[in-house]
Amino acid sequence: MLRMAAKRSVTRVQVTLPISLRRLVEQRVTSGGFVNASDYIGHLLRRELAEDRFGELVQEGLDSGPATPLTKADWKRYRRMAGELGEVDDRAERVAHQH
């Protein structure tokens, strides 16, 4: 059973669980440093959303075609793009060119 009541940017959801799952939630709240069951369930949902997004990004990479080696021109372009962030570490480029 799921019952929802809207309240500004927060929504209340009531969930019916078997006793075994309720105990599991209580255990996770106690051992995981969560404030309450709501905090723990919210954590699980945010983690699931992040996993979904990661899967989308992996699929996007796979769909983009075969991998190509980074060239010196690529590194130059990336350095220019990152220039506003401060000093750029070139160790990754040195390692990439060694292989």
PDB file of N, CA and C in Angstrom:
ATOM      1  N   MET A   1       0.847  -1.174   0.000  1.00  0.00           N
ATOM      2  CA  MET A   1       0.000   0.000   0.000  1.00  0.00           C
ATOM      3  C   MET A   1       0.895   1.241   0.000  1.00  0.00           C
ATOM      4  N   LEU A   2       0.539   2.218  -0.814  1.00  0.00           N
ATOM      5  CA  LEU A   2       1.316   3.443  -0.916  1.00  0.00           C
ATOM      6  C   LEU A   2       0.359   4.619  -0.824  1.00  0.00           C
ATOM      7  N   ARG A   3       0.593   5.499   0.145  1.00  0.00           N
ATOM      8  CA  ARG A   3      -0.258   6.669   0.315  1.00  0.00           C
ATOM      9  C   ARG A   3       0.632   7.890   0.354  1.00  0.00           C
ATOM     10  N   MET A   4       0.274   8.908  -0.433  1.00  0.00           N
ATOM     11  CA  MET A   4       1.115  10.086  -0.537  1.00  0.00           C
ATOM     12  C   MET A   4       0.320  11.345  -0.217  1.00  0.00           C
ATOM     13  N   ALA A   5       0.978  12.287   0.452  1.00  0.00           N
ATOM     14  CA  ALA A   5       0.374  13.588   0.727  1.00  0.00           C
ATOM     15  C   ALA A   5       1.419  14.655   0.402  1.00  0.00           C
ATOM     16  N   ALA A   6       1.118  15.538  -0.539  1.00  0.00           N
ATOM     17  CA  ALA A   6       2.076  16.559  -0.973  1.00  0.00           C
ATOM     18  C   ALA A   6       2.178  17.681   0.052  1.00  0.00           C
ATOM     19  N   LYS A   7       3.388  18.183   0.246  1.00  0.00           N
ATOM     20  CA  LYS A   7       3.649  19.280   1.168  1.00  0.00           C
ATOM     21  C   LYS A   7       4.830  20.066   0.633  1.00  0.00           C
ATOM     22  N   ARG A   8       4.604  21.237   0.074  1.00  0.00           N
ATOM     23  CA  ARG A   8       5.660  22.056  -0.528  1.00  0.00           C
ATOM     24  C   ARG A   8       6.599  21.206  -1.363  1.00  0.00           C
ATOM     25  N   SER A   9       7.895  21.165  -1.022  1.00  0.00           N
ATOM     26  CA  SER A   9       8.836  20.386  -1.812  1.00  0.00           C
ATOM     27  C   SER A   9       9.090  18.999  -1.210  1.00  0.00           C
ATOM     28  N   VAL A  10       8.374  18.674  -0.159  1.00  0.00           N
ATOM     29  CA  VAL A  10       8.516  17.372   0.488  1.00  0.00           C
ATOM     30  C   VAL A  10       7.198  16.624   0.373  1.00  0.00           C
ATOM     31  N   THR A  11       7.297  15.339   0.139  1.00  0.00           N
ATOM     32  CA  THR A  11       6.111  14.512   0.029  1.00  0.00           C
ATOM     33  C   THR A  11       6.194  13.394   1.039  1.00  0.00           C
ATOM     34  N   ARG A  12       5.113  13.125   1.698  1.00  0.00           N
ATOM     35  CA  ARG A  12       5.053  12.033   2.663  1.00  0.00           C
ATOM     36  C   ARG A  12       4.558  10.793   1.940  1.00  0.00           C
ATOM     37  N   VAL A  13       5.244   9.677   2.168  1.00  0.00           N
ATOM     38  CA  VAL A  13       4.888   8.399   1.567  1.00  0.00           C
ATOM     39  C   VAL A  13       4.786   7.378   2.687  1.00  0.00           C
ATOM     40  N   GLN A  14       3.700   6.668   2.721  1.00  0.00           N
ATOM     41  CA  GLN A  14       3.544   5.601   3.708  1.00  0.00           C
ATOM     42  C   GLN A  14       3.687   4.262   2.982  1.00  0.00           C
ATOM     43  N   VAL A  15       4.587   3.429   3.483  1.00  0.00           N
ATOM     44  CA  VAL A  15       4.874   2.148   2.850  1.00  0.00           C
ATOM     45  C   VAL A  15       4.586   1.029   3.847  1.00  0.00           C
ATOM     46  N   THR A  16       3.914  -0.011   3.380  1.00  0.00           N
ATOM     47  CA  THR A  16       3.657  -1.177   4.213  1.00  0.00           C
ATOM     48  C   THR A  16       4.709  -2.236   3.896  1.00  0.00           C
ATOM     49  N   LEU A  17       5.417  -2.683   4.950  1.00  0.00           N
ATOM     50  CA  LEU A  17       6.501  -3.654   4.788  1.00  0.00           C
ATOM     51  C   LEU A  17       6.251  -4.890   5.649  1.00  0.00           C
ATOM     52  N   PRO A  18       6.751  -6.036   5.208  1.00  0.00           N
ATOM     53  CA  PRO A  18       6.747  -7.194   6.101  1.00  0.00           C
ATOM     54  C   PRO A  18       7.648  -6.896   7.306  1.00  0.00           C
ATOM     55  N   ILE A  19       7.414  -7.557   8.406  1.00  0.00           N
ATOM     56  CA  ILE A  19       8.184  -7.317   9.624  1.00  0.00           C
ATOM     57  C   ILE A  19       9.680  -7.498   9.373  1.00  0.00           C
ATOM     58  N   SER A  20      10.046  -8.488   8.570  1.00  0.00           N
ATOM     59  CA  SER A  20      11.467  -8.739   8.313  1.00  0.00           C
ATOM     60  C   SER A  20      12.133  -7.540   7.631  1.00  0.00           C
ATOM     61  N   LEU A  21      11.435  -6.910   6.694  1.00  0.00           N
ATOM     62  CA  LEU A  21      12.010  -5.736   6.031  1.00  0.00           C
ATOM     63  C   LEU A  21      12.029  -4.533   6.967  1.00  0.00           C
ATOM     64  N   ARG A  22      11.019  -4.399   7.799  1.00  0.00           N
ATOM     65  CA  ARG A  22      10.998  -3.300   8.777  1.00  0.00           C
ATOM     66  C   ARG A  22      12.206  -3.418   9.714  1.00  0.00           C
ATOM     67  N   ARG A  23      12.507  -4.637  10.140  1.00  0.00           N
ATOM     68  CA  ARG A  23      13.675  -4.860  11.007  1.00  0.00           C
ATOM     69  C   ARG A  23      14.969  -4.520  10.271  1.00  0.00           C
ATOM     70  N   LEU A  24      15.021  -4.894   9.003  1.00  0.00           N
ATOM     71  CA  LEU A  24      16.203  -4.581   8.198  1.00  0.00           C
ATOM     72  C   LEU A  24      16.398  -3.072   8.095  1.00  0.00           C
ATOM     73  N   VAL A  25      15.330  -2.334   7.841  1.00  0.00           N
ATOM     74  CA  VAL A  25      15.408  -0.870   7.762  1.00  0.00           C
ATOM     75  C   VAL A  25      15.887  -0.303   9.095  1.00  0.00           C
ATOM     76  N   GLU A  26      15.317  -0.787  10.196  1.00  0.00           N
ATOM     77  CA  GLU A  26      15.720  -0.301  11.523  1.00  0.00           C
ATOM     78  C   GLU A  26      17.196  -0.586  11.787  1.00  0.00           C
ATOM     79  N   GLN A  27      17.652  -1.770  11.368  1.00  0.00           N
ATOM     80  CA  GLN A  27      19.054  -2.131  11.545  1.00  0.00           C
ATOM     81  C   GLN A  27      19.955  -1.203  10.732  1.00  0.00           C
ATOM     82  N   ARG A  28      19.574  -0.933   9.486  1.00  0.00           N
ATOM     83  CA  ARG A  28      20.380  -0.057   8.629  1.00  0.00           C
ATOM     84  C   ARG A  28      20.418   1.365   9.178  1.00  0.00           C
ATOM     85  N   VAL A  29      19.301   1.824   9.719  1.00  0.00           N
ATOM     86  CA  VAL A  29      19.256   3.172  10.298  1.00  0.00           C
ATOM     87  C   VAL A  29      20.231   3.251  11.466  1.00  0.00           C
ATOM     88  N   THR A  30      20.198   2.251  12.325  1.00  0.00           N
ATOM     89  CA  THR A  30      21.053   2.244  13.512  1.00  0.00           C
ATOM     90  C   THR A  30      22.527   2.097  13.150  1.00  0.00           C
ATOM     91  N   SER A  31      22.838   1.166  12.272  1.00  0.00           N
ATOM     92  CA  SER A  31      24.241   0.881  11.958  1.00  0.00           C
ATOM     93  C   SER A  31      24.822   1.786  10.880  1.00  0.00           C
ATOM     94  N   GLY A  32      23.959   2.406  10.088  1.00  0.00           N
ATOM     95  CA  GLY A  32      24.454   3.194   8.973  1.00  0.00           C
ATOM     96  C   GLY A  32      24.517   4.674   9.205  1.00  0.00           C
ATOM     97  N   GLY A  33      24.172   5.112  10.396  1.00  0.00           N
ATOM     98  CA  GLY A  33      24.258   6.530  10.703  1.00  0.00           C
ATOM     99  C   GLY A  33      23.162   7.373  10.071  1.00  0.00           C
ATOM    100  N   PHE A  34      22.028   6.757   9.771  1.00  0.00           N
ATOM    101  CA  PHE A  34      20.912   7.500   9.211  1.00  0.00           C
ATOM    102  C   PHE A  34      20.059   8.063  10.344  1.00  0.00           C
ATOM    103  N   VAL A  35      19.412   9.191  10.087  1.00  0.00           N
ATOM    104  CA  VAL A  35      18.590   9.850  11.095  1.00  0.00           C
ATOM    105  C   VAL A  35      17.355   9.015  11.416  1.00  0.00           C
ATOM    106  N   ASN A  36      16.746   8.488  10.368  1.00  0.00           N
ATOM    107  CA  ASN A  36      15.513   7.705  10.538  1.00  0.00           C
ATOM    108  C   ASN A  36      15.279   6.879   9.270  1.00  0.00           C
ATOM    109  N   ALA A  37      14.167   6.157   9.243  1.00  0.00           N
ATOM    110  CA  ALA A  37      13.848   5.302   8.098  1.00  0.00           C
ATOM    111  C   ALA A  37      13.696   6.126   6.824  1.00  0.00           C
ATOM    112  N   SER A  38      13.126   7.292   6.940  1.00  0.00           N
ATOM    113  CA  SER A  38      12.951   8.161   5.779  1.00  0.00           C
ATOM    114  C   SER A  38      14.301   8.534   5.166  1.00  0.00           C
ATOM    115  N   ASP A  39      15.257   8.854   6.015  1.00  0.00           N
ATOM    116  CA  ASP A  39      16.603   9.205   5.562  1.00  0.00           C
ATOM    117  C   ASP A  39      17.239   8.022   4.829  1.00  0.00           C
ATOM    118  N   TYR A  40      17.071   6.820   5.374  1.00  0.00           N
ATOM    119  CA  TYR A  40      17.642   5.615   4.761  1.00  0.00           C
ATOM    120  C   TYR A  40      16.982   5.307   3.415  1.00  0.00           C
ATOM    121  N   ILE A  41      15.667   5.363   3.353  1.00  0.00           N
ATOM    122  CA  ILE A  41      14.945   5.084   2.105  1.00  0.00           C
ATOM    123  C   ILE A  41      15.314   6.121   1.054  1.00  0.00           C
ATOM    124  N   GLY A  42      15.416   7.393   1.442  1.00  0.00           N
ATOM    125  CA  GLY A  42      15.841   8.438   0.511  1.00  0.00           C
ATOM    126  C   GLY A  42      17.230   8.158  -0.035  1.00  0.00           C
ATOM    127  N   HIS A  43      18.133   7.692   0.846  1.00  0.00           N
ATOM    128  CA  HIS A  43      19.489   7.319   0.425  1.00  0.00           C
ATOM    129  C   HIS A  43      19.437   6.216  -0.632  1.00  0.00           C
ATOM    130  N   LEU A  44      18.626   5.201  -0.408  1.00  0.00           N
ATOM    131  CA  LEU A  44      18.505   4.099  -1.370  1.00  0.00           C
ATOM    132  C   LEU A  44      17.989   4.591  -2.721  1.00  0.00           C
ATOM    133  N   LEU A  45      17.005   5.469  -2.693  1.00  0.00           N
ATOM    134  CA  LEU A  45      16.437   5.975  -3.938  1.00  0.00           C
ATOM    135  C   LEU A  45      17.442   6.843  -4.698  1.00  0.00           C
ATOM    136  N   ARG A  46      18.179   7.698  -3.973  1.00  0.00           N
ATOM    137  CA  ARG A  46      19.197   8.524  -4.633  1.00  0.00           C
ATOM    138  C   ARG A  46      20.302   7.650  -5.230  1.00  0.00           C
ATOM    139  N   ARG A  47      20.675   6.590  -4.520  1.00  0.00           N
ATOM    140  CA  ARG A  47      21.699   5.681  -5.045  1.00  0.00           C
ATOM    141  C   ARG A  47      21.205   4.985  -6.307  1.00  0.00           C
ATOM    142  N   GLU A  48      19.938   4.587  -6.316  1.00  0.00           N
ATOM    143  CA  GLU A  48      19.374   3.952  -7.508  1.00  0.00           C
ATOM    144  C   GLU A  48      19.361   4.916  -8.688  1.00  0.00           C
ATOM    145  N   LEU A  49      18.998   6.161  -8.439  1.00  0.00           N
ATOM    146  CA  LEU A  49      19.019   7.161  -9.513  1.00  0.00           C
ATOM    147  C   LEU A  49      20.430   7.360 -10.053  1.00  0.00           C
ATOM    148  N   ALA A  50      21.428   7.387  -9.165  1.00  0.00           N
ATOM    149  CA  ALA A  50      22.813   7.544  -9.594  1.00  0.00           C
ATOM    150  C   ALA A  50      23.259   6.345 -10.428  1.00  0.00           C
ATOM    151  N   GLU A  51      22.857   5.148 -10.020  1.00  0.00           N
ATOM    152  CA  GLU A  51      23.200   3.947 -10.788  1.00  0.00           C
ATOM    153  C   GLU A  51      22.545   3.973 -12.165  1.00  0.00           C
ATOM    154  N   ASP A  52      21.295   4.422 -12.217  1.00  0.00           N
ATOM    155  CA  ASP A  52      20.614   4.544 -13.510  1.00  0.00           C
ATOM    156  C   ASP A  52      21.360   5.510 -14.418  1.00  0.00           C
ATOM    157  N   ARG A  53      21.776   6.650 -13.863  1.00  0.00           N
ATOM    158  CA  ARG A  53      22.493   7.658 -14.660  1.00  0.00           C
ATOM    159  C   ARG A  53      23.829   7.112 -15.131  1.00  0.00           C
ATOM    160  N   PHE A  54      24.523   6.365 -14.263  1.00  0.00           N
ATOM    161  CA  PHE A  54      25.791   5.768 -14.647  1.00  0.00           C
ATOM    162  C   PHE A  54      25.575   4.816 -15.824  1.00  0.00           C
ATOM    163  N   GLY A  55      24.533   4.000 -15.760  1.00  0.00           N
ATOM    164  CA  GLY A  55      24.224   3.084 -16.856  1.00  0.00           C
ATOM    165  C   GLY A  55      23.949   3.826 -18.155  1.00  0.00           C
ATOM    166  N   GLU A  56      23.239   4.951 -18.050  1.00  0.00           N
ATOM    167  CA  GLU A  56      22.960   5.759 -19.242  1.00  0.00           C
ATOM    168  C   GLU A  56      24.258   6.288 -19.849  1.00  0.00           C
ATOM    169  N   LEU A  57      25.177   6.747 -18.994  1.00  0.00           N
ATOM    170  CA  LEU A  57      26.442   7.284 -19.483  1.00  0.00           C
ATOM    171  C   LEU A  57      27.302   6.194 -20.123  1.00  0.00           C
ATOM    172  N   VAL A  58      27.291   5.002 -19.533  1.00  0.00           N
ATOM    173  CA  VAL A  58      28.040   3.889 -20.129  1.00  0.00           C
ATOM    174  C   VAL A  58      27.469   3.566 -21.499  1.00  0.00           C
ATOM    175  N   GLN A  59      26.138   3.501 -21.593  1.00  0.00           N
ATOM    176  CA  GLN A  59      25.512   3.190 -22.877  1.00  0.00           C
ATOM    177  C   GLN A  59      25.806   4.277 -23.902  1.00  0.00           C
ATOM    178  N   GLU A  60      25.790   5.528 -23.458  1.00  0.00           N
ATOM    179  CA  GLU A  60      26.120   6.642 -24.360  1.00  0.00           C
ATOM    180  C   GLU A  60      27.541   6.483 -24.902  1.00  0.00           C
ATOM    181  N   GLY A  61      28.464   6.077 -24.037  1.00  0.00           N
ATOM    182  CA  GLY A  61      29.834   5.854 -24.480  1.00  0.00           C
ATOM    183  C   GLY A  61      29.931   4.718 -25.474  1.00  0.00           C
ATOM    184  N   LEU A  62      29.215   3.633 -25.196  1.00  0.00           N
ATOM    185  CA  LEU A  62      29.230   2.495 -26.115  1.00  0.00           C
ATOM    186  C   LEU A  62      28.631   2.861 -27.471  1.00  0.00           C
ATOM    187  N   ASP A  63      27.571   3.658 -27.435  1.00  0.00           N
ATOM    188  CA  ASP A  63      26.890   4.055 -28.670  1.00  0.00           C
ATOM    189  C   ASP A  63      27.686   5.080 -29.479  1.00  0.00           C
ATOM    190  N   SER A  64      28.702   5.695 -28.858  1.00  0.00           N
ATOM    191  CA  SER A  64      29.429   6.768 -29.547  1.00  0.00           C
ATOM    192  C   SER A  64      30.437   6.239 -30.566  1.00  0.00           C
ATOM    193  N   GLY A  65      30.605   4.934 -30.631  1.00  0.00           N
ATOM    194  CA  GLY A  65      31.523   4.370 -31.619  1.00  0.00           C
ATOM    195  C   GLY A  65      32.762   3.808 -30.964  1.00  0.00           C
ATOM    196  N   PRO A  66      33.675   3.312 -31.793  1.00  0.00           N
ATOM    197  CA  PRO A  66      34.891   2.702 -31.246  1.00  0.00           C
ATOM    198  C   PRO A  66      35.789   3.742 -30.576  1.00  0.00           C
ATOM    199  N   ALA A  67      36.525   3.271 -29.590  1.00  0.00           N
ATOM    200  CA  ALA A  67      37.459   4.143 -28.876  1.00  0.00           C
ATOM    201  C   ALA A  67      38.603   4.534 -29.797  1.00  0.00           C
ATOM    202  N   THR A  68      39.085   5.731 -29.618  1.00  0.00           N
ATOM    203  CA  THR A  68      40.240   6.192 -30.386  1.00  0.00           C
ATOM    204  C   THR A  68      41.285   6.719 -29.405  1.00  0.00           C
ATOM    205  N   PRO A  69      42.566   6.560 -29.724  1.00  0.00           N
ATOM    206  CA  PRO A  69      43.608   7.062 -28.823  1.00  0.00           C
ATOM    207  C   PRO A  69      43.594   8.588 -28.779  1.00  0.00           C
ATOM    208  N   LEU A  70      43.921   9.129 -27.604  1.00  0.00           N
ATOM    209  CA  LEU A  70      44.031  10.578 -27.482  1.00  0.00           C
ATOM    210  C   LEU A  70      45.307  11.048 -28.164  1.00  0.00           C
ATOM    211  N   THR A  71      45.198  12.118 -28.915  1.00  0.00           N
ATOM    212  CA  THR A  71      46.355  12.686 -29.608  1.00  0.00           C
ATOM    213  C   THR A  71      46.894  13.866 -28.806  1.00  0.00           C
ATOM    214  N   LYS A  72      48.057  14.351 -29.219  1.00  0.00           N
ATOM    215  CA  LYS A  72      48.613  15.547 -28.570  1.00  0.00           C
ATOM    216  C   LYS A  72      47.670  16.733 -28.740  1.00  0.00           C
ATOM    217  N   ALA A  73      46.991  16.808 -29.892  1.00  0.00           N
ATOM    218  CA  ALA A  73      46.026  17.891 -30.119  1.00  0.00           C
ATOM    219  C   ALA A  73      44.855  17.781 -29.137  1.00  0.00           C
ATOM    220  N   ASP A  74      44.417  16.541 -28.848  1.00  0.00           N
ATOM    221  CA  ASP A  74      43.345  16.343 -27.861  1.00  0.00           C
ATOM    222  C   ASP A  74      43.781  16.872 -26.501  1.00  0.00           C
ATOM    223  N   TRP A  75      44.996  16.484 -26.075  1.00  0.00           N
ATOM    224  CA  TRP A  75      45.498  16.939 -24.783  1.00  0.00           C
ATOM    225  C   TRP A  75      45.595  18.466 -24.734  1.00  0.00           C
ATOM    226  N   LYS A  76      46.025  19.053 -25.812  1.00  0.00           N
ATOM    227  CA  LYS A  76      46.140  20.517 -25.863  1.00  0.00           C
ATOM    228  C   LYS A  76      44.756  21.155 -25.688  1.00  0.00           C
ATOM    229  N   ARG A  77      43.773  20.610 -26.405  1.00  0.00           N
ATOM    230  CA  ARG A  77      42.404  21.130 -26.294  1.00  0.00           C
ATOM    231  C   ARG A  77      41.877  20.973 -24.864  1.00  0.00           C
ATOM    232  N   TYR A  78      42.115  19.820 -24.244  1.00  0.00           N
ATOM    233  CA  TYR A  78      41.636  19.590 -22.872  1.00  0.00           C
ATOM    234  C   TYR A  78      42.331  20.516 -21.882  1.00  0.00           C
ATOM    235  N   ARG A  79      43.623  20.757 -22.112  1.00  0.00           N
ATOM    236  CA  ARG A  79      44.337  21.692 -21.229  1.00  0.00           C
ATOM    237  C   ARG A  79      43.755  23.097 -21.338  1.00  0.00           C
ATOM    238  N   ARG A  80      43.444  23.497 -22.572  1.00  0.00           N
ATOM    239  CA  ARG A  80      42.866  24.826 -22.781  1.00  0.00           C
ATOM    240  C   ARG A  80      41.516  24.917 -22.071  1.00  0.00           C
ATOM    241  N   MET A  81      40.715  23.870 -22.173  1.00  0.00           N
ATOM    242  CA  MET A  81      39.399  23.856 -21.527  1.00  0.00           C
ATOM    243  C   MET A  81      39.529  23.884 -20.001  1.00  0.00           C
ATOM    244  N   ALA A  82      40.548  23.213 -19.482  1.00  0.00           N
ATOM    245  CA  ALA A  82      40.726  23.133 -18.033  1.00  0.00           C
ATOM    246  C   ALA A  82      41.536  24.289 -17.474  1.00  0.00           C
ATOM    247  N   GLY A  83      42.072  25.132 -18.329  1.00  0.00           N
ATOM    248  CA  GLY A  83      42.936  26.222 -17.898  1.00  0.00           C
ATOM    249  C   GLY A  83      42.332  27.104 -16.824  1.00  0.00           C
ATOM    250  N   GLU A  84      41.051  27.316 -16.865  1.00  0.00           N
ATOM    251  CA  GLU A  84      40.395  28.159 -15.874  1.00  0.00           C
ATOM    252  C   GLU A  84      40.382  27.520 -14.495  1.00  0.00           C
ATOM    253  N   LEU A  85      40.610  26.212 -14.433  1.00  0.00           N
ATOM    254  CA  LEU A  85      40.564  25.511 -13.155  1.00  0.00           C
ATOM    255  C   LEU A  85      41.895  25.557 -12.423  1.00  0.00           C
ATOM    256  N   GLY A  86      42.922  26.078 -13.054  1.00  0.00           N
ATOM    257  CA  GLY A  86      44.231  26.147 -12.422  1.00  0.00           C
ATOM    258  C   GLY A  86      45.232  25.269 -13.140  1.00  0.00           C
ATOM    259  N   GLU A  87      46.304  24.959 -12.445  1.00  0.00           N
ATOM    260  CA  GLU A  87      47.378  24.161 -13.034  1.00  0.00           C
ATOM    261  C   GLU A  87      46.865  22.775 -13.402  1.00  0.00           C
ATOM    262  N   VAL A  88      47.221  22.323 -14.596  1.00  0.00           N
ATOM    263  CA  VAL A  88      46.801  21.024 -15.091  1.00  0.00           C
ATOM    264  C   VAL A  88      47.945  20.040 -14.940  1.00  0.00           C
ATOM    265  N   ASP A  89      47.665  18.905 -14.349  1.00  0.00           N
ATOM    266  CA  ASP A  89      48.680  17.873 -14.138  1.00  0.00           C
ATOM    267  C   ASP A  89      48.856  17.085 -15.427  1.00  0.00           C
ATOM    268  N   ASP A  90      50.070  16.999 -15.935  1.00  0.00           N
ATOM    269  CA  ASP A  90      50.293  16.318 -17.205  1.00  0.00           C
ATOM    270  C   ASP A  90      50.773  14.876 -17.036  1.00  0.00           C
ATOM    271  N   ARG A  91      50.702  14.342 -15.816  1.00  0.00           N
ATOM    272  CA  ARG A  91      51.134  12.955 -15.601  1.00  0.00           C
ATOM    273  C   ARG A  91      50.325  11.979 -16.427  1.00  0.00           C
ATOM    274  N   ALA A  92      49.020  12.191 -16.557  1.00  0.00           N
ATOM    275  CA  ALA A  92      48.165  11.276 -17.319  1.00  0.00           C
ATOM    276  C   ALA A  92      48.609  11.211 -18.774  1.00  0.00           C
ATOM    277  N   GLU A  93      48.963  12.354 -19.340  1.00  0.00           N
ATOM    278  CA  GLU A  93      49.431  12.365 -20.735  1.00  0.00           C
ATOM    279  C   GLU A  93      50.743  11.602 -20.863  1.00  0.00           C
ATOM    280  N   ARG A  94      51.661  11.808 -19.932  1.00  0.00           N
ATOM    281  CA  ARG A  94      52.940  11.099 -19.998  1.00  0.00           C
ATOM    282  C   ARG A  94      52.725   9.586 -19.908  1.00  0.00           C
ATOM    283  N   VAL A  95      51.851   9.150 -19.030  1.00  0.00           N
ATOM    284  CA  VAL A  95      51.557   7.724 -18.898  1.00  0.00           C
ATOM    285  C   VAL A  95      50.907   7.205 -20.169  1.00  0.00           C
ATOM    286  N   ALA A  96      49.974   7.968 -20.744  1.00  0.00           N
ATOM    287  CA  ALA A  96      49.273   7.536 -21.956  1.00  0.00           C
ATOM    288  C   ALA A  96      50.243   7.363 -23.107  1.00  0.00           C
ATOM    289  N   HIS A  97      51.222   8.223 -23.216  1.00  0.00           N
ATOM    290  CA  HIS A  97      52.180   8.148 -24.327  1.00  0.00           C
ATOM    291  C   HIS A  97      53.226   7.050 -24.137  1.00  0.00           C
ATOM    292  N   GLN A  98      53.348   6.545 -22.916  1.00  0.00           N
ATOM    293  CA  GLN A  98      54.284   5.453 -22.660  1.00  0.00           C
ATOM    294  C   GLN A  98      53.739   4.124 -23.145  1.00  0.00           C
ATOM    295  N   HIS A  99      52.422   4.027 -23.323  1.00  0.00           N
ATOM    296  CA  HIS A  99      51.806   2.751 -23.709  1.00  0.00           C
ATOM    297  C   HIS A  99      51.531   2.668 -25.171  1.00  0.00           C
TER     298      HIS A  99
END
